[in-house]
PDB file of N, CA and C in Angstrom:
ATOM      1  N   MET A   1       4.110  20.309  -3.408  1.00  0.00           N
ATOM      2  CA  MET A   1       3.396  20.760  -4.565  1.00  0.00           C
ATOM      3  C   MET A   1       4.370  21.562  -5.411  1.00  0.00           C
ATOM      4  N   GLU A   2       4.306  21.350  -6.715  1.00  0.00           N
ATOM      5  CA  GLU A   2       5.086  22.118  -7.677  1.00  0.00           C
ATOM      6  C   GLU A   2       4.131  22.873  -8.583  1.00  0.00           C
ATOM      7  N   VAL A   3       4.500  24.102  -8.907  1.00  0.00           N
ATOM      8  CA  VAL A   3       3.672  24.949  -9.761  1.00  0.00           C
ATOM      9  C   VAL A   3       4.531  25.466 -10.896  1.00  0.00           C
ATOM     10  N   ALA A   4       4.042  25.329 -12.129  1.00  0.00           N
ATOM     11  CA  ALA A   4       4.717  25.870 -13.310  1.00  0.00           C
ATOM     12  C   ALA A   4       3.755  26.826 -13.997  1.00  0.00           C
ATOM     13  N   GLU A   5       4.134  28.095 -14.048  1.00  0.00           N
ATOM     14  CA  GLU A   5       3.257  29.094 -14.658  1.00  0.00           C
ATOM     15  C   GLU A   5       3.713  29.401 -16.077  1.00  0.00           C
ATOM     16  N   GLY A   6       2.755  29.524 -16.961  1.00  0.00           N
ATOM     17  CA  GLY A   6       2.975  29.872 -18.357  1.00  0.00           C
ATOM     18  C   GLY A   6       1.646  30.330 -18.917  1.00  0.00           C
ATOM     19  N   THR A   7       1.284  29.844 -20.110  1.00  0.00           N
ATOM     20  CA  THR A   7      -0.035  30.181 -20.650  1.00  0.00           C
ATOM     21  C   THR A   7      -1.145  29.563 -19.807  1.00  0.00           C
ATOM     22  N   VAL A   8      -0.820  28.461 -19.135  1.00  0.00           N
ATOM     23  CA  VAL A   8      -1.680  27.855 -18.119  1.00  0.00           C
ATOM     24  C   VAL A   8      -0.805  27.600 -16.901  1.00  0.00           C
ATOM     25  N   THR A   9      -1.422  27.345 -15.774  1.00  0.00           N
ATOM     26  CA  THR A   9      -0.673  26.995 -14.570  1.00  0.00           C
ATOM     27  C   THR A   9      -0.844  25.509 -14.334  1.00  0.00           C
ATOM     28  N   ALA A  10       0.275  24.794 -14.297  1.00  0.00           N
ATOM     29  CA  ALA A  10       0.252  23.354 -14.069  1.00  0.00           C
ATOM     30  C   ALA A  10       0.683  23.082 -12.632  1.00  0.00           C
ATOM     31  N   VAL A  11      -0.057  22.220 -11.953  1.00  0.00           N
ATOM     32  CA  VAL A  11       0.213  21.896 -10.554  1.00  0.00           C
ATOM     33  C   VAL A  11       0.320  20.384 -10.431  1.00  0.00           C
ATOM     34  N   ARG A  12       1.318  19.933  -9.653  1.00  0.00           N
ATOM     35  CA  ARG A  12       1.425  18.495  -9.408  1.00  0.00           C
ATOM     36  C   ARG A  12       1.964  18.246  -8.012  1.00  0.00           C
ATOM     37  N   ASP A  13       1.742  17.052  -7.545  1.00  0.00           N
ATOM     38  CA  ASP A  13       2.231  16.604  -6.243  1.00  0.00           C
ATOM     39  C   ASP A  13       3.709  16.263  -6.404  1.00  0.00           C
ATOM     40  N   SER A  14       4.578  16.979  -5.725  1.00  0.00           N
ATOM     41  CA  SER A  14       6.017  16.764  -5.881  1.00  0.00           C
ATOM     42  C   SER A  14       6.472  15.419  -5.318  1.00  0.00           C
ATOM     43  N   GLN A  15       5.660  14.785  -4.489  1.00  0.00           N
ATOM     44  CA  GLN A  15       6.022  13.485  -3.932  1.00  0.00           C
ATOM     45  C   GLN A  15       5.492  12.334  -4.787  1.00  0.00           C
ATOM     46  N   ASN A  16       4.546  12.638  -5.686  1.00  0.00           N
ATOM     47  CA  ASN A  16       3.951  11.619  -6.555  1.00  0.00           C
ATOM     48  C   ASN A  16       3.882  12.138  -7.985  1.00  0.00           C
ATOM     49  N   ARG A  17       5.013  12.501  -8.530  1.00  0.00           N
ATOM     50  CA  ARG A  17       5.071  13.116  -9.861  1.00  0.00           C
ATOM     51  C   ARG A  17       4.481  12.228 -10.951  1.00  0.00           C
ATOM     52  N   HIS A  18       4.554  10.933 -10.753  1.00  0.00           N
ATOM     53  CA  HIS A  18       4.055   9.993 -11.760  1.00  0.00           C
ATOM     54  C   HIS A  18       2.538  10.088 -11.959  1.00  0.00           C
ATOM     55  N   LEU A  19       1.839  10.754 -11.051  1.00  0.00           N
ATOM     56  CA  LEU A  19       0.383  10.885 -11.169  1.00  0.00           C
ATOM     57  C   LEU A  19      -0.037  11.987 -12.132  1.00  0.00           C
ATOM     58  N   GLY A  20       0.928  12.734 -12.647  1.00  0.00           N
ATOM     59  CA  GLY A  20       0.614  13.772 -13.622  1.00  0.00           C
ATOM     60  C   GLY A  20       0.344  15.116 -12.972  1.00  0.00           C
ATOM     61  N   HIS A  21      -0.295  15.985 -13.728  1.00  0.00           N
ATOM     62  CA  HIS A  21      -0.541  17.343 -13.251  1.00  0.00           C
ATOM     63  C   HIS A  21      -1.955  17.782 -13.616  1.00  0.00           C
ATOM     64  N   VAL A  22      -2.367  18.874 -13.023  1.00  0.00           N
ATOM     65  CA  VAL A  22      -3.658  19.494 -13.303  1.00  0.00           C
ATOM     66  C   VAL A  22      -3.361  20.889 -13.829  1.00  0.00           C
ATOM     67  N   GLU A  23      -4.059  21.300 -14.888  1.00  0.00           N
ATOM     68  CA  GLU A  23      -3.840  22.622 -15.472  1.00  0.00           C
ATOM     69  C   GLU A  23      -5.011  23.551 -15.174  1.00  0.00           C
ATOM     70  N   PHE A  24      -4.678  24.803 -14.912  1.00  0.00           N
ATOM     71  CA  PHE A  24      -5.671  25.836 -14.640  1.00  0.00           C
ATOM     72  C   PHE A  24      -5.422  27.021 -15.554  1.00  0.00           C
ATOM     73  N   GLY A  25      -6.482  27.614 -16.063  1.00  0.00           N
ATOM     74  CA  GLY A  25      -6.371  28.857 -16.805  1.00  0.00           C
ATOM     75  C   GLY A  25      -6.092  29.993 -15.833  1.00  0.00           C
ATOM     76  N   ALA A  26      -5.681  31.137 -16.356  1.00  0.00           N
ATOM     77  CA  ALA A  26      -5.331  32.278 -15.503  1.00  0.00           C
ATOM     78  C   ALA A  26      -6.470  32.703 -14.575  1.00  0.00           C
ATOM     79  N   PRO A  27      -7.718  32.822 -15.054  1.00  0.00           N
ATOM     80  CA  PRO A  27      -8.794  33.259 -14.146  1.00  0.00           C
ATOM     81  C   PRO A  27      -9.032  32.278 -12.993  1.00  0.00           C
ATOM     82  N   GLU A  28      -8.976  30.992 -13.292  1.00  0.00           N
ATOM     83  CA  GLU A  28      -9.201  29.981 -12.257  1.00  0.00           C
ATOM     84  C   GLU A  28      -8.071  29.989 -11.229  1.00  0.00           C
ATOM     85  N   TRP A  29      -6.836  30.140 -11.703  1.00  0.00           N
ATOM     86  CA  TRP A  29      -5.691  30.154 -10.796  1.00  0.00           C
ATOM     87  C   TRP A  29      -5.738  31.384  -9.889  1.00  0.00           C
ATOM     88  N   GLN A  30      -6.071  32.533 -10.447  1.00  0.00           N
ATOM     89  CA  GLN A  30      -6.175  33.754  -9.648  1.00  0.00           C
ATOM     90  C   GLN A  30      -7.287  33.629  -8.603  1.00  0.00           C
ATOM     91  N   ALA A  31      -8.412  33.044  -8.984  1.00  0.00           N
ATOM     92  CA  ALA A  31      -9.515  32.841  -8.034  1.00  0.00           C
ATOM     93  C   ALA A  31      -9.082  31.904  -6.907  1.00  0.00           C
ATOM     94  N   PHE A  32      -8.348  30.852  -7.250  1.00  0.00           N
ATOM     95  CA  PHE A  32      -7.845  29.925  -6.235  1.00  0.00           C
ATOM     96  C   PHE A  32      -6.924  30.642  -5.258  1.00  0.00           C
ATOM     97  N   LEU A  33      -5.986  31.431  -5.779  1.00  0.00           N
ATOM     98  CA  LEU A  33      -5.051  32.150  -4.909  1.00  0.00           C
ATOM     99  C   LEU A  33      -5.772  33.146  -4.007  1.00  0.00           C
ATOM    100  N   GLN A  34      -6.766  33.830  -4.541  1.00  0.00           N
ATOM    101  CA  GLN A  34      -7.538  34.780  -3.729  1.00  0.00           C
ATOM    102  C   GLN A  34      -8.275  34.061  -2.604  1.00  0.00           C
ATOM    103  N   ASP A  35      -8.882  32.922  -2.922  1.00  0.00           N
ATOM    104  CA  ASP A  35      -9.587  32.148  -1.897  1.00  0.00           C
ATOM    105  C   ASP A  35      -8.616  31.610  -0.852  1.00  0.00           C
ATOM    106  N   LEU A  36      -7.447  31.188  -1.284  1.00  0.00           N
ATOM    107  CA  LEU A  36      -6.433  30.685  -0.362  1.00  0.00           C
ATOM    108  C   LEU A  36      -5.986  31.789   0.594  1.00  0.00           C
ATOM    109  N   LYS A  37      -5.714  32.968   0.057  1.00  0.00           N
ATOM    110  CA  LYS A  37      -5.288  34.103   0.885  1.00  0.00           C
ATOM    111  C   LYS A  37      -6.390  34.546   1.846  1.00  0.00           C
ATOM    112  N   ALA A  38      -7.643  34.378   1.450  1.00  0.00           N
ATOM    113  CA  ALA A  38      -8.780  34.761   2.300  1.00  0.00           C
ATOM    114  C   ALA A  38      -9.154  33.652   3.286  1.00  0.00           C
ATOM    115  N   ASP A  39      -8.367  32.561   3.298  1.00  0.00           N
ATOM    116  CA  ASP A  39      -8.581  31.432   4.214  1.00  0.00           C
ATOM    117  C   ASP A  39      -9.965  30.820   4.042  1.00  0.00           C
ATOM    118  N   ARG A  40     -10.379  30.634   2.796  1.00  0.00           N
ATOM    119  CA  ARG A  40     -11.695  30.047   2.510  1.00  0.00           C
ATOM    120  C   ARG A  40     -11.662  28.525   2.388  1.00  0.00           C
ATOM    121  N   PHE A  41     -10.521  27.932   2.668  1.00  0.00           N
ATOM    122  CA  PHE A  41     -10.429  26.475   2.579  1.00  0.00           C
ATOM    123  C   PHE A  41     -10.335  25.859   3.941  1.00  0.00           C
TER     124      PHE A  41
END
């Protein structure tokens, strides 16, 4: 996985770059990271 942070956070599969990326706004990205750290997945 590759992550590029800027005004939005873009995420893509580093093994399948041709599939494009998904963008997240700051609040959504922060919520994702908090859930990941809390082992909610």
